[in-house]
Full PDB file with SEQRES, HELIX, SHEET, SSBOND, CRYST1, ORIGX, SCALE, CONECT and MASTER records, all heavy atoms in Angstrom:
SEQRES   1 A   39  ASP MET GLN VAL SER GLY HIS THR GLU ALA PRO LEU ILE          
SEQRES   2 A   39  LEU VAL ASN GLY PRO ILE ALA GLN ARG ALA GLY ILE ASN          
SEQRES   3 A   39  CYS GLY THR SER ALA MET GLY PRO GLY VAL VAL ASN SER          
HELIX    1 AA1 ILE A   19  ALA A   23  1                                   5    
HELIX    2 AA2 VAL A   36  ASN A   38  5                                   3    
CRYST1    1.000    1.000    1.000  90.00  90.00  90.00 P 1           1          
ORIGX1      1.000000  0.000000  0.000000        0.00000                         
ORIGX2      0.000000  1.000000  0.000000        0.00000                         
ORIGX3      0.000000  0.000000  1.000000        0.00000                         
SCALE1      1.000000  0.000000  0.000000        0.00000                         
SCALE2      0.000000  1.000000  0.000000        0.00000                         
SCALE3      0.000000  0.000000  1.000000        0.00000                         
ATOM      1  N   ASP A   1     -15.422  10.985  -8.866  1.00  0.00           N  
ATOM      2  CA  ASP A   1     -15.809  11.479  -7.577  1.00  0.00           C  
ATOM      3  C   ASP A   1     -14.740  11.468  -6.492  1.00  0.00           C  
ATOM      4  O   ASP A   1     -14.592  12.352  -5.725  1.00  0.00           O  
ATOM      5  CB  ASP A   1     -17.103  10.815  -7.107  1.00  0.00           C  
ATOM      6  CG  ASP A   1     -18.334  11.200  -7.794  1.00  0.00           C  
ATOM      7  OD1 ASP A   1     -18.280  11.938  -8.781  1.00  0.00           O  
ATOM      8  OD2 ASP A   1     -19.427  10.828  -7.335  1.00  0.00           O  
ATOM      9  N   MET A   2     -13.907  10.415  -6.598  1.00  0.00           N  
ATOM     10  CA  MET A   2     -12.836  10.316  -5.634  1.00  0.00           C  
ATOM     11  C   MET A   2     -11.882  11.430  -5.882  1.00  0.00           C  
ATOM     12  O   MET A   2     -11.343  12.057  -4.933  1.00  0.00           O  
ATOM     13  CB  MET A   2     -12.082   8.973  -5.837  1.00  0.00           C  
ATOM     14  CG  MET A   2     -10.876   8.852  -4.924  1.00  0.00           C  
ATOM     15  SD  MET A   2      -9.769   7.417  -5.502  1.00  0.00           S  
ATOM     16  CE  MET A   2      -8.985   8.165  -6.954  1.00  0.00           C  
ATOM     17  N   GLN A   3     -11.598  11.782  -7.153  1.00  0.00           N  
ATOM     18  CA  GLN A   3     -10.605  12.781  -7.459  1.00  0.00           C  
ATOM     19  C   GLN A   3     -11.106  14.163  -7.083  1.00  0.00           C  
ATOM     20  O   GLN A   3     -10.279  14.988  -6.622  1.00  0.00           O  
ATOM     21  CB  GLN A   3     -10.339  12.817  -8.974  1.00  0.00           C  
ATOM     22  CG  GLN A   3      -9.557  11.550  -9.532  1.00  0.00           C  
ATOM     23  CD  GLN A   3      -8.071  11.858  -9.424  1.00  0.00           C  
ATOM     24  OE1 GLN A   3      -7.535  11.846  -8.372  1.00  0.00           O  
ATOM     25  NE2 GLN A   3      -7.449  12.008 -10.569  1.00  0.00           N  
ATOM     26  N   VAL A   4     -12.373  14.518  -7.325  1.00  0.00           N  
ATOM     27  CA  VAL A   4     -12.787  15.924  -7.160  1.00  0.00           C  
ATOM     28  C   VAL A   4     -13.548  16.161  -5.797  1.00  0.00           C  
ATOM     29  O   VAL A   4     -14.013  17.170  -5.613  1.00  0.00           O  
ATOM     30  CB  VAL A   4     -13.611  16.389  -8.351  1.00  0.00           C  
ATOM     31  CG1 VAL A   4     -12.842  16.258  -9.658  1.00  0.00           C  
ATOM     32  CG2 VAL A   4     -14.991  15.590  -8.416  1.00  0.00           C  
ATOM     33  N   SER A   5     -13.627  15.077  -4.995  1.00  0.00           N  
ATOM     34  CA  SER A   5     -14.393  15.189  -3.747  1.00  0.00           C  
ATOM     35  C   SER A   5     -13.663  16.072  -2.749  1.00  0.00           C  
ATOM     36  O   SER A   5     -12.433  16.051  -2.653  1.00  0.00           O  
ATOM     37  CB  SER A   5     -14.640  13.814  -3.180  1.00  0.00           C  
ATOM     38  OG  SER A   5     -15.232  13.962  -1.903  1.00  0.00           O  
ATOM     39  N   GLY A   6     -14.405  16.858  -1.913  1.00  0.00           N  
ATOM     40  CA  GLY A   6     -13.777  17.522  -0.802  1.00  0.00           C  
ATOM     41  C   GLY A   6     -13.567  16.630   0.371  1.00  0.00           C  
ATOM     42  O   GLY A   6     -13.033  17.021   1.399  1.00  0.00           O  
ATOM     43  N   HIS A   7     -14.054  15.338   0.248  1.00  0.00           N  
ATOM     44  CA  HIS A   7     -13.909  14.376   1.304  1.00  0.00           C  
ATOM     45  C   HIS A   7     -12.429  13.849   1.343  1.00  0.00           C  
ATOM     46  O   HIS A   7     -11.719  13.785   0.324  1.00  0.00           O  
ATOM     47  CB  HIS A   7     -14.846  13.156   1.028  1.00  0.00           C  
ATOM     48  CG  HIS A   7     -15.054  12.292   2.188  1.00  0.00           C  
ATOM     49  ND1 HIS A   7     -15.440  10.994   2.041  1.00  0.00           N  
ATOM     50  CD2 HIS A   7     -14.822  12.458   3.506  1.00  0.00           C  
ATOM     51  CE1 HIS A   7     -15.537  10.356   3.166  1.00  0.00           C  
ATOM     52  NE2 HIS A   7     -15.176  11.235   4.160  1.00  0.00           N  
ATOM     53  N   THR A   8     -11.970  13.439   2.498  1.00  0.00           N  
ATOM     54  CA  THR A   8     -10.595  12.922   2.620  1.00  0.00           C  
ATOM     55  C   THR A   8     -10.618  11.412   2.337  1.00  0.00           C  
ATOM     56  O   THR A   8     -10.655  10.603   3.214  1.00  0.00           O  
ATOM     57  CB  THR A   8     -10.120  13.140   4.050  1.00  0.00           C  
ATOM     58  OG1 THR A   8     -11.118  12.742   5.046  1.00  0.00           O  
ATOM     59  CG2 THR A   8      -9.792  14.647   4.314  1.00  0.00           C  
ATOM     60  N   GLU A   9     -10.512  11.103   1.051  1.00  0.00           N  
ATOM     61  CA  GLU A   9     -10.562   9.724   0.669  1.00  0.00           C  
ATOM     62  C   GLU A   9      -9.443   9.458  -0.344  1.00  0.00           C  
ATOM     63  O   GLU A   9      -8.941  10.446  -1.049  1.00  0.00           O  
ATOM     64  CB  GLU A   9     -11.913   9.371   0.004  1.00  0.00           C  
ATOM     65  CG  GLU A   9     -12.313  10.260  -1.168  1.00  0.00           C  
ATOM     66  CD  GLU A   9     -13.775  10.180  -1.450  1.00  0.00           C  
ATOM     67  OE1 GLU A   9     -14.492   9.394  -0.757  1.00  0.00           O  
ATOM     68  OE2 GLU A   9     -14.206  10.768  -2.451  1.00  0.00           O  
ATOM     69  N   ALA A  10      -9.026   8.231  -0.456  1.00  0.00           N  
ATOM     70  CA  ALA A  10      -7.839   7.910  -1.213  1.00  0.00           C  
ATOM     71  C   ALA A  10      -7.886   6.411  -1.602  1.00  0.00           C  
ATOM     72  O   ALA A  10      -8.488   5.604  -0.856  1.00  0.00           O  
ATOM     73  CB  ALA A  10      -6.528   8.185  -0.523  1.00  0.00           C  
ATOM     74  N   PRO A  11      -7.246   6.004  -2.734  1.00  0.00           N  
ATOM     75  CA  PRO A  11      -7.265   4.594  -3.073  1.00  0.00           C  
ATOM     76  C   PRO A  11      -6.323   3.786  -2.207  1.00  0.00           C  
ATOM     77  O   PRO A  11      -5.128   4.196  -1.901  1.00  0.00           O  
ATOM     78  CB  PRO A  11      -6.842   4.585  -4.544  1.00  0.00           C  
ATOM     79  CG  PRO A  11      -5.981   5.808  -4.714  1.00  0.00           C  
ATOM     80  CD  PRO A  11      -6.629   6.862  -3.698  1.00  0.00           C  
ATOM     81  N   LEU A  12      -6.793   2.594  -1.770  1.00  0.00           N  
ATOM     82  CA  LEU A  12      -5.990   1.695  -1.033  1.00  0.00           C  
ATOM     83  C   LEU A  12      -5.719   0.433  -1.929  1.00  0.00           C  
ATOM     84  O   LEU A  12      -6.693  -0.191  -2.434  1.00  0.00           O  
ATOM     85  CB  LEU A  12      -6.690   1.210   0.198  1.00  0.00           C  
ATOM     86  CG  LEU A  12      -6.146   0.016   1.053  1.00  0.00           C  
ATOM     87  CD1 LEU A  12      -4.721   0.358   1.598  1.00  0.00           C  
ATOM     88  CD2 LEU A  12      -7.073  -0.320   2.199  1.00  0.00           C  
ATOM     89  N   ILE A  13      -4.449   0.047  -2.083  1.00  0.00           N  
ATOM     90  CA  ILE A  13      -4.047  -1.019  -2.975  1.00  0.00           C  
ATOM     91  C   ILE A  13      -3.748  -2.205  -2.119  1.00  0.00           C  
ATOM     92  O   ILE A  13      -2.977  -2.193  -1.185  1.00  0.00           O  
ATOM     93  CB  ILE A  13      -2.775  -0.735  -3.845  1.00  0.00           C  
ATOM     94  CG1 ILE A  13      -3.015   0.599  -4.654  1.00  0.00           C  
ATOM     95  CG2 ILE A  13      -2.371  -1.867  -4.668  1.00  0.00           C  
ATOM     96  CD1 ILE A  13      -1.686   1.059  -5.286  1.00  0.00           C  
ATOM     97  N   LEU A  14      -4.510  -3.362  -2.373  1.00  0.00           N  
ATOM     98  CA  LEU A  14      -4.347  -4.595  -1.631  1.00  0.00           C  
ATOM     99  C   LEU A  14      -3.793  -5.628  -2.657  1.00  0.00           C  
ATOM    100  O   LEU A  14      -4.335  -5.844  -3.743  1.00  0.00           O  
ATOM    101  CB  LEU A  14      -5.707  -5.117  -1.122  1.00  0.00           C  
ATOM    102  CG  LEU A  14      -6.420  -4.080  -0.220  1.00  0.00           C  
ATOM    103  CD1 LEU A  14      -7.789  -4.649   0.134  1.00  0.00           C  
ATOM    104  CD2 LEU A  14      -5.700  -3.767   1.043  1.00  0.00           C  
ATOM    105  N   VAL A  15      -2.689  -6.223  -2.297  1.00  0.00           N  
ATOM    106  CA  VAL A  15      -1.960  -7.148  -3.134  1.00  0.00           C  
ATOM    107  C   VAL A  15      -2.045  -8.560  -2.613  1.00  0.00           C  
ATOM    108  O   VAL A  15      -1.801  -8.798  -1.401  1.00  0.00           O  
ATOM    109  CB  VAL A  15      -0.491  -6.711  -3.323  1.00  0.00           C  
ATOM    110  CG1 VAL A  15       0.122  -7.633  -4.381  1.00  0.00           C  
ATOM    111  CG2 VAL A  15      -0.450  -5.284  -3.861  1.00  0.00           C  
ATOM    112  N   ASN A  16      -2.310  -9.555  -3.454  1.00  0.00           N  
ATOM    113  CA  ASN A  16      -2.337 -10.961  -3.075  1.00  0.00           C  
ATOM    114  C   ASN A  16      -1.519 -11.799  -4.135  1.00  0.00           C  
ATOM    115  O   ASN A  16      -1.394 -11.454  -5.295  1.00  0.00           O  
ATOM    116  CB  ASN A  16      -3.769 -11.497  -3.092  1.00  0.00           C  
ATOM    117  CG  ASN A  16      -4.528 -11.230  -1.844  1.00  0.00           C  
ATOM    118  OD1 ASN A  16      -5.412 -10.322  -1.830  1.00  0.00           O  
ATOM    119  ND2 ASN A  16      -4.154 -11.816  -0.747  1.00  0.00           N  
ATOM    120  N   GLY A  17      -1.035 -12.906  -3.677  1.00  0.00           N  
ATOM    121  CA  GLY A  17      -0.323 -13.805  -4.491  1.00  0.00           C  
ATOM    122  C   GLY A  17       1.207 -13.683  -4.498  1.00  0.00           C  
ATOM    123  O   GLY A  17       1.778 -12.792  -3.867  1.00  0.00           O  
ATOM    124  N   PRO A  18       1.891 -14.471  -5.264  1.00  0.00           N  
ATOM    125  CA  PRO A  18       3.383 -14.504  -5.309  1.00  0.00           C  
ATOM    126  C   PRO A  18       3.972 -13.203  -5.729  1.00  0.00           C  
ATOM    127  O   PRO A  18       5.211 -12.943  -5.394  1.00  0.00           O  
ATOM    128  CB  PRO A  18       3.683 -15.589  -6.301  1.00  0.00           C  
ATOM    129  CG  PRO A  18       2.548 -16.503  -6.343  1.00  0.00           C  
ATOM    130  CD  PRO A  18       1.316 -15.559  -6.107  1.00  0.00           C  
ATOM    131  N   ILE A  19       3.266 -12.362  -6.472  1.00  0.00           N  
ATOM    132  CA  ILE A  19       3.885 -11.044  -6.910  1.00  0.00           C  
ATOM    133  C   ILE A  19       4.337 -10.249  -5.679  1.00  0.00           C  
ATOM    134  O   ILE A  19       5.223  -9.431  -5.831  1.00  0.00           O  
ATOM    135  CB  ILE A  19       2.856 -10.296  -7.793  1.00  0.00           C  
ATOM    136  CG1 ILE A  19       3.532  -9.029  -8.399  1.00  0.00           C  
ATOM    137  CG2 ILE A  19       1.627  -9.859  -6.995  1.00  0.00           C  
ATOM    138  CD1 ILE A  19       4.604  -9.351  -9.327  1.00  0.00           C  
ATOM    139  N   ALA A  20       3.620 -10.358  -4.598  1.00  0.00           N  
ATOM    140  CA  ALA A  20       4.013  -9.533  -3.385  1.00  0.00           C  
ATOM    141  C   ALA A  20       5.437  -9.778  -3.028  1.00  0.00           C  
ATOM    142  O   ALA A  20       6.168  -8.758  -2.753  1.00  0.00           O  
ATOM    143  CB  ALA A  20       3.048  -9.913  -2.217  1.00  0.00           C  
ATOM    144  N   GLN A  21       5.858 -11.009  -2.920  1.00  0.00           N  
ATOM    145  CA  GLN A  21       7.169 -11.319  -2.545  1.00  0.00           C  
ATOM    146  C   GLN A  21       8.214 -10.883  -3.673  1.00  0.00           C  
ATOM    147  O   GLN A  21       9.225 -10.300  -3.368  1.00  0.00           O  
ATOM    148  CB  GLN A  21       7.381 -12.753  -2.253  1.00  0.00           C  
ATOM    149  CG  GLN A  21       8.769 -13.126  -1.719  1.00  0.00           C  
ATOM    150  CD  GLN A  21       8.861 -14.588  -1.322  1.00  0.00           C  
ATOM    151  OE1 GLN A  21       7.868 -15.334  -1.349  1.00  0.00           O  
ATOM    152  NE2 GLN A  21      10.043 -14.982  -0.782  1.00  0.00           N  
ATOM    153  N   ARG A  22       7.861 -11.157  -4.855  1.00  0.00           N  
ATOM    154  CA  ARG A  22       8.765 -10.796  -5.977  1.00  0.00           C  
ATOM    155  C   ARG A  22       8.892  -9.240  -6.080  1.00  0.00           C  
ATOM    156  O   ARG A  22      10.032  -8.793  -6.508  1.00  0.00           O  
ATOM    157  CB  ARG A  22       8.227 -11.356  -7.328  1.00  0.00           C  
ATOM    158  CG  ARG A  22       8.321 -12.852  -7.415  1.00  0.00           C  
ATOM    159  CD  ARG A  22       8.133 -13.289  -8.900  1.00  0.00           C  
ATOM    160  NE  ARG A  22       6.745 -13.177  -9.316  1.00  0.00           N  
ATOM    161  CZ  ARG A  22       5.818 -14.199  -9.263  1.00  0.00           C  
ATOM    162  NH1 ARG A  22       6.172 -15.325  -8.627  1.00  0.00           N  
ATOM    163  NH2 ARG A  22       4.639 -13.988  -9.684  1.00  0.00           N  
ATOM    164  N   ALA A  23       7.876  -8.530  -5.815  1.00  0.00           N  
ATOM    165  CA  ALA A  23       7.957  -7.085  -5.838  1.00  0.00           C  
ATOM    166  C   ALA A  23       8.579  -6.486  -4.525  1.00  0.00           C  
ATOM    167  O   ALA A  23       8.832  -5.303  -4.463  1.00  0.00           O  
ATOM    168  CB  ALA A  23       6.586  -6.495  -6.065  1.00  0.00           C  
ATOM    169  N   GLY A  24       8.744  -7.313  -3.569  1.00  0.00           N  
ATOM    170  CA  GLY A  24       9.393  -6.814  -2.308  1.00  0.00           C  
ATOM    171  C   GLY A  24       8.394  -6.088  -1.342  1.00  0.00           C  
ATOM    172  O   GLY A  24       8.913  -5.275  -0.568  1.00  0.00           O  
ATOM    173  N   ILE A  25       7.109  -6.379  -1.500  1.00  0.00           N  
ATOM    174  CA  ILE A  25       6.191  -5.650  -0.693  1.00  0.00           C  
ATOM    175  C   ILE A  25       6.176  -6.187   0.691  1.00  0.00           C  
ATOM    176  O   ILE A  25       6.036  -7.412   0.902  1.00  0.00           O  
ATOM    177  CB  ILE A  25       4.783  -5.765  -1.279  1.00  0.00           C  
ATOM    178  CG1 ILE A  25       4.799  -5.203  -2.711  1.00  0.00           C  
ATOM    179  CG2 ILE A  25       3.705  -5.080  -0.419  1.00  0.00           C  
ATOM    180  CD1 ILE A  25       3.456  -5.399  -3.461  1.00  0.00           C  
ATOM    181  N   ASN A  26       6.275  -5.314   1.753  1.00  0.00           N  
ATOM    182  CA  ASN A  26       6.293  -5.744   3.129  1.00  0.00           C  
ATOM    183  C   ASN A  26       4.892  -6.068   3.487  1.00  0.00           C  
ATOM    184  O   ASN A  26       3.950  -5.288   3.364  1.00  0.00           O  
ATOM    185  CB  ASN A  26       6.830  -4.675   3.994  1.00  0.00           C  
ATOM    186  CG  ASN A  26       6.840  -5.052   5.478  1.00  0.00           C  
ATOM    187  OD1 ASN A  26       6.793  -6.190   5.824  1.00  0.00           O  
ATOM    188  ND2 ASN A  26       6.935  -4.002   6.343  1.00  0.00           N  
ATOM    189  N   CYS A  27       4.682  -7.266   4.118  1.00  0.00           N  
ATOM    190  CA  CYS A  27       3.358  -7.639   4.652  1.00  0.00           C  
ATOM    191  C   CYS A  27       3.444  -7.928   6.174  1.00  0.00           C  
ATOM    192  O   CYS A  27       2.539  -8.546   6.750  1.00  0.00           O  
ATOM    193  CB  CYS A  27       2.789  -8.814   3.895  1.00  0.00           C  
ATOM    194  SG  CYS A  27       3.730 -10.321   4.002  1.00  0.00           S  
ATOM    195  N   GLY A  28       4.569  -7.507   6.694  1.00  0.00           N  
ATOM    196  CA  GLY A  28       4.753  -7.755   8.194  1.00  0.00           C  
ATOM    197  C   GLY A  28       4.667  -6.480   8.961  1.00  0.00           C  
ATOM    198  O   GLY A  28       3.886  -5.620   8.633  1.00  0.00           O  
ATOM    199  N   THR A  29       5.483  -6.363  10.025  1.00  0.00           N  
ATOM    200  CA  THR A  29       5.455  -5.284  10.918  1.00  0.00           C  
ATOM    201  C   THR A  29       5.698  -3.942  10.216  1.00  0.00           C  
ATOM    202  O   THR A  29       6.511  -3.776   9.360  1.00  0.00           O  
ATOM    203  CB  THR A  29       6.567  -5.494  12.020  1.00  0.00           C  
ATOM    204  OG1 THR A  29       6.327  -6.647  12.664  1.00  0.00           O  
ATOM    205  CG2 THR A  29       6.529  -4.298  12.952  1.00  0.00           C  
ATOM    206  N   SER A  30       4.872  -2.976  10.569  1.00  0.00           N  
ATOM    207  CA  SER A  30       4.964  -1.559  10.049  1.00  0.00           C  
ATOM    208  C   SER A  30       4.756  -1.505   8.546  1.00  0.00           C  
ATOM    209  O   SER A  30       5.363  -0.672   7.887  1.00  0.00           O  
ATOM    210  CB  SER A  30       6.298  -0.910  10.438  1.00  0.00           C  
ATOM    211  OG  SER A  30       6.343   0.448  10.148  1.00  0.00           O  
ATOM    212  N   ALA A  31       3.877  -2.368   8.042  1.00  0.00           N  
ATOM    213  CA  ALA A  31       3.763  -2.516   6.555  1.00  0.00           C  
ATOM    214  C   ALA A  31       3.250  -1.219   5.864  1.00  0.00           C  
ATOM    215  O   ALA A  31       3.481  -1.039   4.680  1.00  0.00           O  
ATOM    216  CB  ALA A  31       2.812  -3.681   6.167  1.00  0.00           C  
ATOM    217  N   MET A  32       2.611  -0.357   6.648  1.00  0.00           N  
ATOM    218  CA  MET A  32       2.078   0.905   6.069  1.00  0.00           C  
ATOM    219  C   MET A  32       2.838   2.085   6.575  1.00  0.00           C  
ATOM    220  O   MET A  32       2.435   3.239   6.349  1.00  0.00           O  
ATOM    221  CB  MET A  32       0.590   1.089   6.361  1.00  0.00           C  
ATOM    222  CG  MET A  32      -0.347   0.009   5.766  1.00  0.00           C  
ATOM    223  SD  MET A  32      -2.045   0.415   5.876  1.00  0.00           S  
ATOM    224  CE  MET A  32      -2.194   1.705   4.606  1.00  0.00           C  
ATOM    225  N   GLY A  33       3.985   1.865   7.159  1.00  0.00           N  
ATOM    226  CA  GLY A  33       4.782   2.912   7.720  1.00  0.00           C  
ATOM    227  C   GLY A  33       5.948   3.262   6.817  1.00  0.00           C  
ATOM    228  O   GLY A  33       6.118   2.767   5.769  1.00  0.00           O  
ATOM    229  N   PRO A  34       6.740   4.214   7.342  1.00  0.00           N  
ATOM    230  CA  PRO A  34       7.970   4.572   6.612  1.00  0.00           C  
ATOM    231  C   PRO A  34       9.125   3.561   6.839  1.00  0.00           C  
ATOM    232  O   PRO A  34       9.002   2.704   7.682  1.00  0.00           O  
ATOM    233  CB  PRO A  34       8.324   5.954   7.188  1.00  0.00           C  
ATOM    234  CG  PRO A  34       7.906   5.850   8.623  1.00  0.00           C  
ATOM    235  CD  PRO A  34       6.612   5.021   8.552  1.00  0.00           C  
ATOM    236  N   GLY A  35      10.161   3.693   6.049  1.00  0.00           N  
ATOM    237  CA  GLY A  35      11.346   2.865   6.228  1.00  0.00           C  
ATOM    238  C   GLY A  35      11.753   2.164   4.994  1.00  0.00           C  
ATOM    239  O   GLY A  35      10.930   1.943   4.039  1.00  0.00           O  
ATOM    240  N   VAL A  36      12.958   1.693   4.967  1.00  0.00           N  
ATOM    241  CA  VAL A  36      13.524   0.983   3.819  1.00  0.00           C  
ATOM    242  C   VAL A  36      12.752  -0.305   3.553  1.00  0.00           C  
ATOM    243  O   VAL A  36      12.574  -0.657   2.371  1.00  0.00           O  
ATOM    244  CB  VAL A  36      15.046   0.683   4.024  1.00  0.00           C  
ATOM    245  CG1 VAL A  36      15.500  -0.175   2.869  1.00  0.00           C  
ATOM    246  CG2 VAL A  36      15.797   2.044   4.111  1.00  0.00           C  
ATOM    247  N   VAL A  37      12.317  -1.027   4.596  1.00  0.00           N  
ATOM    248  CA  VAL A  37      11.638  -2.250   4.434  1.00  0.00           C  
ATOM    249  C   VAL A  37      10.294  -2.088   3.705  1.00  0.00           C  
ATOM    250  O   VAL A  37       9.756  -2.996   3.063  1.00  0.00           O  
ATOM    251  CB  VAL A  37      11.460  -2.930   5.847  1.00  0.00           C  
ATOM    252  CG1 VAL A  37      10.383  -2.128   6.643  1.00  0.00           C  
ATOM    253  CG2 VAL A  37      10.917  -4.366   5.646  1.00  0.00           C  
ATOM    254  N   ASN A  38       9.818  -0.850   3.667  1.00  0.00           N  
ATOM    255  CA  ASN A  38       8.530  -0.565   3.035  1.00  0.00           C  
ATOM    256  C   ASN A  38       8.720   0.198   1.710  1.00  0.00           C  
ATOM    257  O   ASN A  38       7.844   0.805   1.184  1.00  0.00           O  
ATOM    258  CB  ASN A  38       7.651   0.306   3.902  1.00  0.00           C  
ATOM    259  CG  ASN A  38       7.231  -0.434   5.157  1.00  0.00           C  
ATOM    260  OD1 ASN A  38       6.960  -1.661   5.134  1.00  0.00           O  
ATOM    261  ND2 ASN A  38       7.176   0.219   6.301  1.00  0.00           N  
ATOM    262  N   SER A  39       9.938   0.122   1.157  1.00  0.00           N  
ATOM    263  CA  SER A  39      10.171   0.914  -0.040  1.00  0.00           C  
ATOM    264  C   SER A  39       9.253   0.560  -1.244  1.00  0.00           C  
ATOM    265  O   SER A  39       8.763   1.446  -1.985  1.00  0.00           O  
ATOM    266  CB  SER A  39      11.677   0.810  -0.513  1.00  0.00           C  
ATOM    267  OG  SER A  39      11.947  -0.566  -0.811  1.00  0.00           O  
TER     268      SER A  39                                                      
MASTER        0    0    0    2    0    0    0    6  267    1    0    3          
END                                                                             
């Protein structure tokens, strides 16, 4: 339903635990924005 819906919806990925730091995921300022820090 998410895939074929005419509604504007999308999956949001929430990450917890040490993997966030190992993967380089930004959890600070502008975490959902553009920029190298958010690669």
